[in-house]
Amino acid sequence: MLNLHHLKELYENEVIEFRRDLHMYPELSLKEYRTTERIKEKLTSLGIEIIDLGMETGVVGLLKGKEEGPTIALRADIDALPIQELRDVEYKSRNDGVMHACGHDFHAAIVMGAAMILSNMRDRIGGNIMFVFQPAEETNEGARLMVENGLFTDIKADLIFGVHNNPEIPWGKIAIKKGGLMAAVDTIKIRVRGKGGHGAIPNATRDPIVAAAAMVMDLQTIVSRNISPFEPAVISIGTFNSGTANNIISEVVEMTGTVRSFSEETREILSKRIKEVLEHTAKAYNVDVELDYINELPAIINSQELTELAYKAAKEIVGEEGIIEPIPSMGGEDFAVFTEKIPGFYFWVGVGNKEKDMEYVWHNPRFDGDERAIMIAATVMSNMALKGMDYIKGK
């Protein structure tokens, strides 16, 4: 551990500089061209092999140790959001209307920090470390694209670790939890069709707006009356579009929403009840309804064994006092797509700092985090990789 702590100090300034460079030039999902090149340059300078997936953005690097053995993957996401940054800092975004408002620059810097640490000690690694810099997490596309292009199918790995920053947790704290950490994500698209007409003569119409409004309210009873209060679940309608003028009753309403859950049983109940509620409400209001229910992402569920491994790895770096058990998030993460292929563990690192006004939540235009957390997380991830290698060898 002394060596890991030493390497943390050795690379800290370089990693912060790397993070700031990415933050100044953020790129949207599947357009992360400059980010991809910067990552490739840095990995190549460390003597890490670049594996070509045939994708325009995203990077996979492979560090080969002293001998054959397991391959442990460390994953970061690299895309930014269409948000105008409002924080006035020297490394503020130079790309108008685009910002790293979810901290993916932090994640890329953390995994790059781990790459620096582990490449320095490659002569003591009995296996391989794979560094996965994934594009398009924000659009739920990147992980699936990488898998479709051979990652963890043709290109094998035994275990994967992932990390996300959390501004609501004090900087440097490592948040480790067994079981569900981030929710399954489903998308619903609803189309309600009635009979349009004059707003002053509603009796001659079949009003889809009134029907759709009732559907929105009826959907909110599903969680409260079908799911246990001890089981997390969310149904939210995010868009509701219809109409062209104040005195015209339209023909069609289109709505979209998101559905979140952790257990497969709950996920199935939600899907079934949403369909039933929409159909019965449509019948009551004499309109037609179409539902497109899209299963986007599975939940992130950490196993008992890997939770214990991660806890030990973190404890050796930050001590027991540096570890907390977080409250799970109903937010989703396509890291779960990777863990459908290989075992994995996901954790959070705190980046919050009240004194520096760094407590804005993800996707806020003033989001930022304490950079001292980067190399702490990089060191913890490096230790997880080393312990993960021993874990696979011991199975």
Protein backbone atom coordinates (compact mmCIF):
# COMPACT_ATOMS: atom_id res chain seq x y z
CA MET A 1 0.00 0.00 0.00
CA LEU A 2 2.93 2.33 0.58
CA ASN A 3 3.71 2.12 -3.11
CA LEU A 4 0.14 2.96 -4.12
CA HIS A 5 0.08 5.95 -1.79
CA HIS A 6 3.42 7.14 -3.19
CA LEU A 7 2.17 6.85 -6.76
CA LYS A 8 -0.99 8.76 -5.87
CA GLU A 9 1.14 11.77 -4.89
CA LEU A 10 3.42 11.32 -7.89
CA TYR A 11 0.67 11.66 -10.50
CA GLU A 12 -1.83 13.99 -8.84
CA ASN A 13 -0.91 17.23 -10.61
CA GLU A 14 -0.73 15.54 -14.02
CA VAL A 15 -4.14 13.93 -13.57
CA ILE A 16 -5.78 17.20 -12.47
CA GLU A 17 -4.30 18.91 -15.53
CA PHE A 18 -5.73 16.11 -17.70
CA ARG A 19 -9.17 16.52 -16.10
CA ARG A 20 -9.17 20.27 -16.66
CA ASP A 21 -8.22 19.82 -20.30
CA LEU A 22 -11.20 17.50 -20.83
CA HIS A 23 -13.46 19.89 -18.92
CA MET A 24 -12.50 22.82 -21.13
CA TYR A 25 -13.29 20.91 -24.33
CA PRO A 26 -16.41 18.82 -23.59
CA GLU A 27 -18.07 16.87 -26.39
CA LEU A 28 -21.57 15.41 -26.75
CA SER A 29 -22.41 11.72 -27.02
CA LEU A 30 -20.78 9.94 -29.98
CA LYS A 31 -18.98 13.17 -30.88
CA GLU A 32 -16.14 12.76 -28.37
CA TYR A 33 -13.44 12.97 -31.06
CA ARG A 34 -10.92 15.24 -29.33
CA THR A 35 -11.50 13.49 -26.01
CA THR A 36 -10.81 10.13 -27.67
CA GLU A 37 -7.54 11.37 -29.17
CA ARG A 38 -6.36 12.87 -25.89
CA ILE A 39 -7.03 9.58 -24.08
CA LYS A 40 -5.24 7.57 -26.76
CA GLU A 41 -2.23 9.88 -26.59
CA LYS A 42 -1.99 9.56 -22.82
CA LEU A 43 -2.42 5.78 -22.77
CA THR A 44 0.14 5.33 -25.56
CA SER A 45 2.65 7.46 -23.64
CA LEU A 46 2.22 5.00 -20.74
CA GLY A 47 3.04 2.05 -22.97
CA ILE A 48 -0.56 0.80 -22.94
CA GLU A 49 -1.81 -0.98 -26.07
CA ILE A 50 -4.87 0.49 -27.81
CA ILE A 51 -7.48 -2.10 -28.82
CA ASP A 52 -9.39 -1.09 -31.95
CA LEU A 53 -13.14 -1.71 -31.67
CA GLY A 54 -13.80 -0.02 -35.00
CA MET A 55 -15.65 2.83 -33.29
CA GLU A 56 -15.11 6.52 -34.01
CA THR A 57 -15.14 7.49 -30.33
CA GLY A 58 -14.29 5.74 -27.10
CA VAL A 59 -11.06 3.98 -26.20
CA VAL A 60 -10.04 0.59 -24.86
CA GLY A 61 -6.47 0.22 -23.57
CA LEU A 62 -4.76 -2.97 -22.43
CA LEU A 63 -1.92 -3.06 -19.93
CA LYS A 64 -0.10 -6.40 -19.96
CA GLY A 65 1.53 -7.44 -16.71
CA LYS A 66 4.58 -9.58 -16.04
CA GLU A 67 2.76 -12.85 -16.82
CA GLU A 68 -0.47 -14.32 -18.12
CA GLY A 69 -3.44 -14.09 -15.81
CA PRO A 70 -6.92 -12.61 -15.40
CA THR A 71 -7.99 -9.43 -17.16
CA ILE A 72 -9.59 -6.80 -14.93
CA ALA A 73 -11.41 -3.87 -16.58
CA LEU A 74 -11.75 -0.34 -15.21
CA ARG A 75 -14.45 1.78 -16.83
CA ALA A 76 -15.05 5.51 -17.25
CA ASP A 77 -17.55 7.39 -19.40
CA ILE A 78 -16.41 10.41 -21.42
CA ASP A 79 -19.36 12.33 -22.92
CA ALA A 80 -20.73 15.71 -21.86
CA LEU A 81 -24.16 17.37 -21.84
CA PRO A 82 -25.90 20.13 -23.88
CA ILE A 83 -25.70 22.64 -21.01
CA GLN A 84 -24.18 26.14 -20.90
CA GLU A 85 -21.69 26.25 -18.03
CA LEU A 86 -22.37 29.04 -15.52
CA ARG A 87 -19.46 28.46 -13.17
CA ASP A 88 -16.67 31.01 -13.58
CA VAL A 89 -13.43 29.04 -13.29
CA GLU A 90 -10.20 29.08 -15.28
CA TYR A 91 -10.99 25.69 -16.79
CA LYS A 92 -14.55 26.66 -17.80
CA SER A 93 -15.93 25.02 -20.96
CA ARG A 94 -14.68 26.60 -24.19
CA ASN A 95 -17.37 24.80 -26.21
CA ASP A 96 -20.49 26.94 -26.23
CA GLY A 97 -23.58 25.14 -24.93
CA VAL A 98 -21.69 21.99 -23.94
CA MET A 99 -20.51 21.13 -20.45
CA HIS A 100 -19.21 18.25 -18.33
CA ALA A 101 -22.14 18.74 -15.96
CA CYS A 102 -22.22 15.11 -14.84
CA GLY A 103 -18.52 14.83 -14.08
CA HIS A 104 -17.50 12.39 -16.80
CA ASP A 105 -14.25 14.36 -17.01
CA PHE A 106 -13.72 13.29 -13.39
CA HIS A 107 -14.35 9.66 -14.29
CA ALA A 108 -11.97 9.73 -17.26
CA ALA A 109 -9.29 11.34 -15.07
CA ILE A 110 -9.83 8.73 -12.33
CA VAL A 111 -9.35 5.81 -14.71
CA MET A 112 -6.41 7.58 -16.35
CA GLY A 113 -4.91 8.04 -12.90
CA ALA A 114 -5.32 4.31 -12.32
CA ALA A 115 -3.63 3.69 -15.67
CA MET A 116 -0.64 5.78 -14.54
CA ILE A 117 -0.39 3.97 -11.21
CA LEU A 118 -0.74 0.47 -12.63
CA SER A 119 1.55 1.04 -15.62
CA ASN A 120 4.23 2.11 -13.15
CA MET A 121 4.00 -1.27 -11.40
CA ARG A 122 3.35 -3.54 -14.39
CA ASP A 123 6.32 -5.75 -13.53
CA ARG A 124 4.40 -6.87 -10.42
CA ILE A 125 1.02 -7.48 -12.06
CA GLY A 126 0.16 -11.11 -12.74
CA GLY A 127 -2.38 -10.50 -15.49
CA ASN A 128 -3.84 -7.68 -17.56
CA ILE A 129 -5.65 -4.43 -16.83
CA MET A 130 -8.15 -3.13 -19.38
CA PHE A 131 -9.05 0.57 -19.38
CA VAL A 132 -12.47 1.23 -20.90
CA PHE A 133 -13.29 4.84 -21.79
CA GLN A 134 -16.89 4.60 -22.94
CA PRO A 135 -18.70 7.13 -25.14
CA ALA A 136 -22.40 8.05 -25.04
CA GLU A 137 -23.39 7.14 -21.51
CA GLU A 138 -25.82 10.06 -21.38
CA THR A 139 -27.84 8.63 -24.28
CA ASN A 140 -27.67 5.01 -23.03
CA GLU A 141 -25.92 3.99 -26.27
CA GLY A 142 -22.22 3.67 -25.54
CA ALA A 143 -21.99 0.47 -23.52
CA ARG A 144 -24.21 -1.44 -25.94
CA LEU A 145 -22.23 -0.18 -28.93
CA MET A 146 -18.97 -1.34 -27.35
CA VAL A 147 -20.46 -4.76 -26.59
CA GLU A 148 -21.83 -5.01 -30.14
CA ASN A 149 -18.32 -4.24 -31.41
CA GLY A 150 -16.79 -7.12 -29.45
CA LEU A 151 -16.02 -5.77 -25.98
CA PHE A 152 -16.48 -8.57 -23.43
CA THR A 153 -17.65 -10.91 -26.22
CA ASP A 154 -14.68 -11.29 -28.61
CA ILE A 155 -12.41 -9.23 -26.34
CA LYS A 156 -12.50 -11.02 -23.01
CA ALA A 157 -12.25 -9.76 -19.45
CA ASP A 158 -13.00 -11.44 -16.13
CA LEU A 159 -14.24 -8.58 -13.97
CA ILE A 160 -15.05 -4.88 -14.27
CA PHE A 161 -15.07 -1.96 -11.82
CA GLY A 162 -16.83 1.36 -12.42
CA VAL A 163 -17.03 4.67 -10.58
CA HIS A 164 -19.23 7.76 -10.51
CA ASN A 165 -18.70 11.03 -8.66
CA ASN A 166 -21.28 12.23 -6.14
CA PRO A 167 -21.39 15.95 -5.19
CA GLU A 168 -23.73 15.22 -2.27
CA ILE A 169 -20.97 13.21 -0.56
CA PRO A 170 -17.89 14.99 0.94
CA TRP A 171 -14.84 14.85 -1.28
CA GLY A 172 -12.66 11.79 -1.00
CA LYS A 173 -15.23 9.61 0.75
CA ILE A 174 -15.78 6.25 -0.95
CA ALA A 175 -19.42 5.10 -1.10
CA ILE A 176 -19.80 1.32 -1.18
CA LYS A 177 -23.09 -0.55 -1.09
CA LYS A 178 -24.16 -4.15 -1.48
CA GLY A 179 -27.22 -4.78 -3.67
CA GLY A 180 -29.02 -2.17 -5.73
CA LEU A 181 -27.12 1.09 -6.24
CA MET A 182 -28.64 2.53 -9.42
CA ALA A 183 -32.02 1.71 -10.92
CA ALA A 184 -33.21 -0.07 -14.04
CA VAL A 185 -34.36 2.41 -16.66
CA ASP A 186 -37.38 1.94 -18.93
CA THR A 187 -38.86 4.49 -21.32
CA ILE A 188 -42.57 4.80 -22.11
CA LYS A 189 -43.98 6.49 -25.21
CA ILE A 190 -47.75 7.00 -25.19
CA ARG A 191 -50.00 8.11 -28.04
CA VAL A 192 -53.63 8.98 -27.25
CA ARG A 193 -55.95 9.43 -30.23
CA GLY A 194 -59.46 10.89 -30.03
CA LYS A 195 -61.69 12.99 -32.29
CA GLY A 196 -60.85 16.65 -32.66
CA GLY A 197 -63.18 19.58 -33.00
CA HIS A 198 -64.18 23.02 -31.77
CA GLY A 199 -63.30 23.90 -28.19
CA ALA A 200 -66.75 25.40 -27.73
CA ILE A 201 -68.48 22.18 -28.78
CA PRO A 202 -66.65 19.47 -26.76
CA ASN A 203 -69.64 17.14 -26.85
CA ALA A 204 -68.99 16.59 -30.55
CA THR A 205 -65.43 15.43 -29.86
CA ARG A 206 -63.61 12.64 -28.08
CA ASP A 207 -61.11 14.78 -26.22
CA PRO A 208 -57.65 13.13 -26.03
CA ILE A 209 -56.25 15.89 -23.81
CA VAL A 210 -58.71 15.26 -21.00
CA ALA A 211 -58.15 11.51 -21.39
CA ALA A 212 -54.36 11.90 -21.37
CA ALA A 213 -54.52 14.14 -18.30
CA ALA A 214 -56.48 11.41 -16.53
CA MET A 215 -53.89 8.86 -17.62
CA VAL A 216 -51.10 10.93 -16.10
CA MET A 217 -52.91 11.01 -12.78
CA ASP A 218 -53.94 7.33 -12.91
CA LEU A 219 -50.37 6.24 -13.61
CA GLN A 220 -49.32 7.83 -10.32
CA THR A 221 -51.45 5.32 -8.39
CA ILE A 222 -49.53 2.32 -9.72
CA VAL A 223 -46.53 2.65 -7.42
CA SER A 224 -48.54 3.64 -4.35
CA ARG A 225 -51.13 0.87 -4.73
CA ASN A 226 -49.23 -1.98 -6.42
CA ILE A 227 -45.66 -1.81 -5.11
CA SER A 228 -44.54 -2.35 -1.53
CA PRO A 229 -43.56 0.88 0.29
CA PHE A 230 -40.22 -0.86 0.99
CA GLU A 231 -39.50 -1.41 -2.72
CA PRO A 232 -38.19 1.61 -4.72
CA ALA A 233 -40.11 2.46 -7.90
CA VAL A 234 -40.85 5.60 -9.91
CA ILE A 235 -43.15 6.47 -12.82
CA SER A 236 -42.71 10.00 -14.19
CA ILE A 237 -44.22 11.62 -17.28
CA GLY A 238 -41.70 14.06 -18.72
CA THR A 239 -43.33 15.33 -21.92
CA PHE A 240 -46.97 16.06 -22.85
CA ASN A 241 -47.57 17.47 -26.33
CA SER A 242 -50.79 18.33 -28.13
CA GLY A 243 -52.79 21.07 -29.77
CA THR A 244 -52.34 24.04 -32.08
CA ALA A 245 -54.74 26.70 -30.78
CA ASN A 246 -56.69 27.61 -27.65
CA ASN A 247 -60.09 26.87 -29.18
CA ILE A 248 -59.27 23.63 -31.00
CA ILE A 249 -59.57 20.22 -29.40
CA SER A 250 -56.79 18.19 -30.99
CA GLU A 251 -56.88 14.67 -32.38
CA VAL A 252 -53.73 13.35 -30.71
CA VAL A 253 -51.70 13.66 -27.51
CA GLU A 254 -48.16 12.30 -27.32
CA MET A 255 -46.47 11.71 -23.97
CA THR A 256 -43.16 10.24 -22.87
CA GLY A 257 -41.99 9.17 -19.47
CA THR A 258 -39.46 7.20 -17.48
CA VAL A 259 -39.95 4.16 -15.25
CA ARG A 260 -37.39 3.20 -12.59
CA SER A 261 -37.08 0.09 -10.42
CA PHE A 262 -34.53 -2.29 -8.91
CA SER A 263 -36.02 -5.80 -8.83
CA GLU A 264 -37.10 -7.74 -11.91
CA GLU A 265 -40.39 -8.60 -10.20
CA THR A 266 -41.18 -4.91 -9.67
CA ARG A 267 -40.13 -4.12 -13.22
CA GLU A 268 -42.58 -6.69 -14.58
CA ILE A 269 -45.43 -5.43 -12.38
CA LEU A 270 -44.86 -1.84 -13.51
CA SER A 271 -44.85 -2.81 -17.18
CA LYS A 272 -48.05 -4.84 -16.83
CA ARG A 273 -49.96 -2.28 -14.77
CA ILE A 274 -48.97 0.68 -16.95
CA LYS A 275 -50.44 -1.09 -19.97
CA GLU A 276 -53.62 -2.03 -18.09
CA VAL A 277 -54.17 1.43 -16.59
CA LEU A 278 -53.71 3.17 -19.95
CA GLU A 279 -56.06 0.80 -21.76
CA HIS A 280 -58.81 1.00 -19.13
CA THR A 281 -58.55 4.79 -18.85
CA ALA A 282 -58.72 5.07 -22.63
CA LYS A 283 -61.89 2.97 -22.65
CA ALA A 284 -63.45 5.13 -19.95
CA TYR A 285 -62.82 8.29 -22.00
CA ASN A 286 -63.71 6.72 -25.35
CA VAL A 287 -60.27 7.24 -26.92
CA ASP A 288 -57.58 4.96 -28.32
CA VAL A 289 -54.14 4.54 -26.78
CA GLU A 290 -50.86 3.08 -27.99
CA LEU A 291 -47.97 2.26 -25.66
CA ASP A 292 -44.35 1.71 -26.63
CA TYR A 293 -42.58 0.26 -23.57
CA ILE A 294 -38.78 0.21 -23.98
CA ASN A 295 -36.51 -1.68 -21.57
CA GLU A 296 -33.41 0.51 -21.72
CA LEU A 297 -31.05 -0.46 -18.90
CA PRO A 298 -30.90 -3.08 -16.16
CA ALA A 299 -30.24 -2.06 -12.56
CA ILE A 300 -26.76 -1.99 -11.05
CA ILE A 301 -26.70 -4.68 -8.37
CA ASN A 302 -23.48 -5.24 -6.40
CA SER A 303 -22.89 -8.80 -5.18
CA GLN A 304 -21.93 -9.71 -1.62
CA GLU A 305 -18.52 -11.08 -2.67
CA LEU A 306 -17.50 -8.08 -4.75
CA THR A 307 -18.81 -5.67 -2.13
CA GLU A 308 -16.51 -7.28 0.43
CA LEU A 309 -13.58 -7.12 -2.02
CA ALA A 310 -14.24 -3.45 -2.82
CA TYR A 311 -14.60 -2.58 0.86
CA LYS A 312 -11.21 -4.13 1.70
CA ALA A 313 -9.56 -2.37 -1.25
CA ALA A 314 -10.99 1.01 -0.26
CA LYS A 315 -10.23 0.53 3.44
CA GLU A 316 -6.52 0.04 2.69
CA ILE A 317 -6.47 3.44 0.97
CA VAL A 318 -8.89 5.69 2.88
CA GLY A 319 -9.39 3.78 6.14
CA GLU A 320 -12.68 2.66 7.59
CA GLU A 321 -13.63 6.25 8.37
CA GLY A 322 -13.30 7.10 4.67
CA ILE A 323 -16.02 4.66 3.61
CA ILE A 324 -19.75 5.30 3.77
CA GLU A 325 -22.84 3.31 2.76
CA PRO A 326 -24.85 5.51 0.38
CA ILE A 327 -28.56 5.81 -0.25
CA PRO A 328 -29.22 4.24 -3.69
CA SER A 329 -30.14 6.46 -6.62
CA MET A 330 -33.11 6.02 -8.94
CA GLY A 331 -30.82 7.34 -11.66
CA GLY A 332 -29.64 4.80 -14.23
CA GLU A 333 -26.21 3.90 -15.59
CA ASP A 334 -25.36 1.83 -18.65
CA PHE A 335 -22.43 0.29 -16.76
CA ALA A 336 -25.13 -2.32 -16.07
CA VAL A 337 -24.94 -3.39 -19.73
CA PHE A 338 -21.34 -4.52 -19.12
CA THR A 339 -22.31 -6.47 -16.01
CA GLU A 340 -24.75 -8.48 -18.12
CA LYS A 341 -21.61 -9.86 -19.81
CA ILE A 342 -19.10 -10.10 -16.95
CA PRO A 343 -19.24 -9.67 -13.15
CA GLY A 344 -18.76 -6.11 -11.96
CA PHE A 345 -18.84 -3.68 -9.07
CA TYR A 346 -19.85 -0.02 -9.08
CA PHE A 347 -19.11 2.62 -6.45
CA TRP A 348 -19.30 6.36 -5.88
CA VAL A 349 -16.62 8.82 -4.84
CA GLY A 350 -17.57 12.00 -3.01
CA VAL A 351 -16.57 15.27 -4.71
CA GLY A 352 -18.65 17.69 -2.65
CA ASN A 353 -17.11 20.68 -0.90
CA LYS A 354 -19.50 23.18 0.69
CA GLU A 355 -16.77 25.78 1.35
CA LYS A 356 -15.90 25.83 -2.38
CA ASP A 357 -19.57 25.92 -3.45
CA MET A 358 -19.26 22.43 -4.93
CA GLU A 359 -22.52 20.78 -3.95
CA TYR A 360 -24.61 21.25 -7.08
CA VAL A 361 -26.22 18.04 -8.26
CA TRP A 362 -25.53 16.26 -11.56
CA HIS A 363 -26.70 18.11 -14.70
CA ASN A 364 -26.68 21.51 -12.99
CA PRO A 365 -24.95 24.30 -15.01
CA ARG A 366 -22.84 25.13 -11.92
CA PHE A 367 -21.76 21.55 -11.26
CA ASP A 368 -18.15 21.01 -10.18
CA GLY A 369 -16.25 18.87 -7.69
CA ASP A 370 -13.17 18.88 -5.50
CA GLU A 371 -10.30 17.61 -7.65
CA ARG A 372 -8.50 16.14 -4.65
CA ALA A 373 -10.96 13.25 -4.90
CA ILE A 374 -9.63 12.17 -8.30
CA MET A 375 -6.41 10.46 -7.27
CA ILE A 376 -8.03 9.05 -4.14
CA ALA A 377 -10.55 7.27 -6.37
CA ALA A 378 -7.81 6.32 -8.85
CA THR A 379 -5.79 4.70 -6.07
CA VAL A 380 -8.85 2.88 -4.72
CA MET A 381 -9.67 1.64 -8.23
CA SER A 382 -6.11 0.45 -8.74
CA ASN A 383 -6.30 -1.52 -5.50
CA MET A 384 -9.68 -2.96 -6.54
CA ALA A 385 -8.10 -4.13 -9.80
CA LEU A 386 -5.21 -5.83 -7.99
CA LYS A 387 -7.52 -7.49 -5.48
CA GLY A 388 -9.88 -8.44 -8.30
CA MET A 389 -7.03 -10.25 -10.01
CA ASP A 390 -6.35 -12.27 -6.87
CA TYR A 391 -10.08 -12.95 -6.52
CA ILE A 392 -10.34 -14.41 -10.04
CA LYS A 393 -7.19 -16.49 -9.53
CA GLY A 394 -8.65 -17.88 -6.33
CA LYS A 395 -11.91 -19.02 -7.89
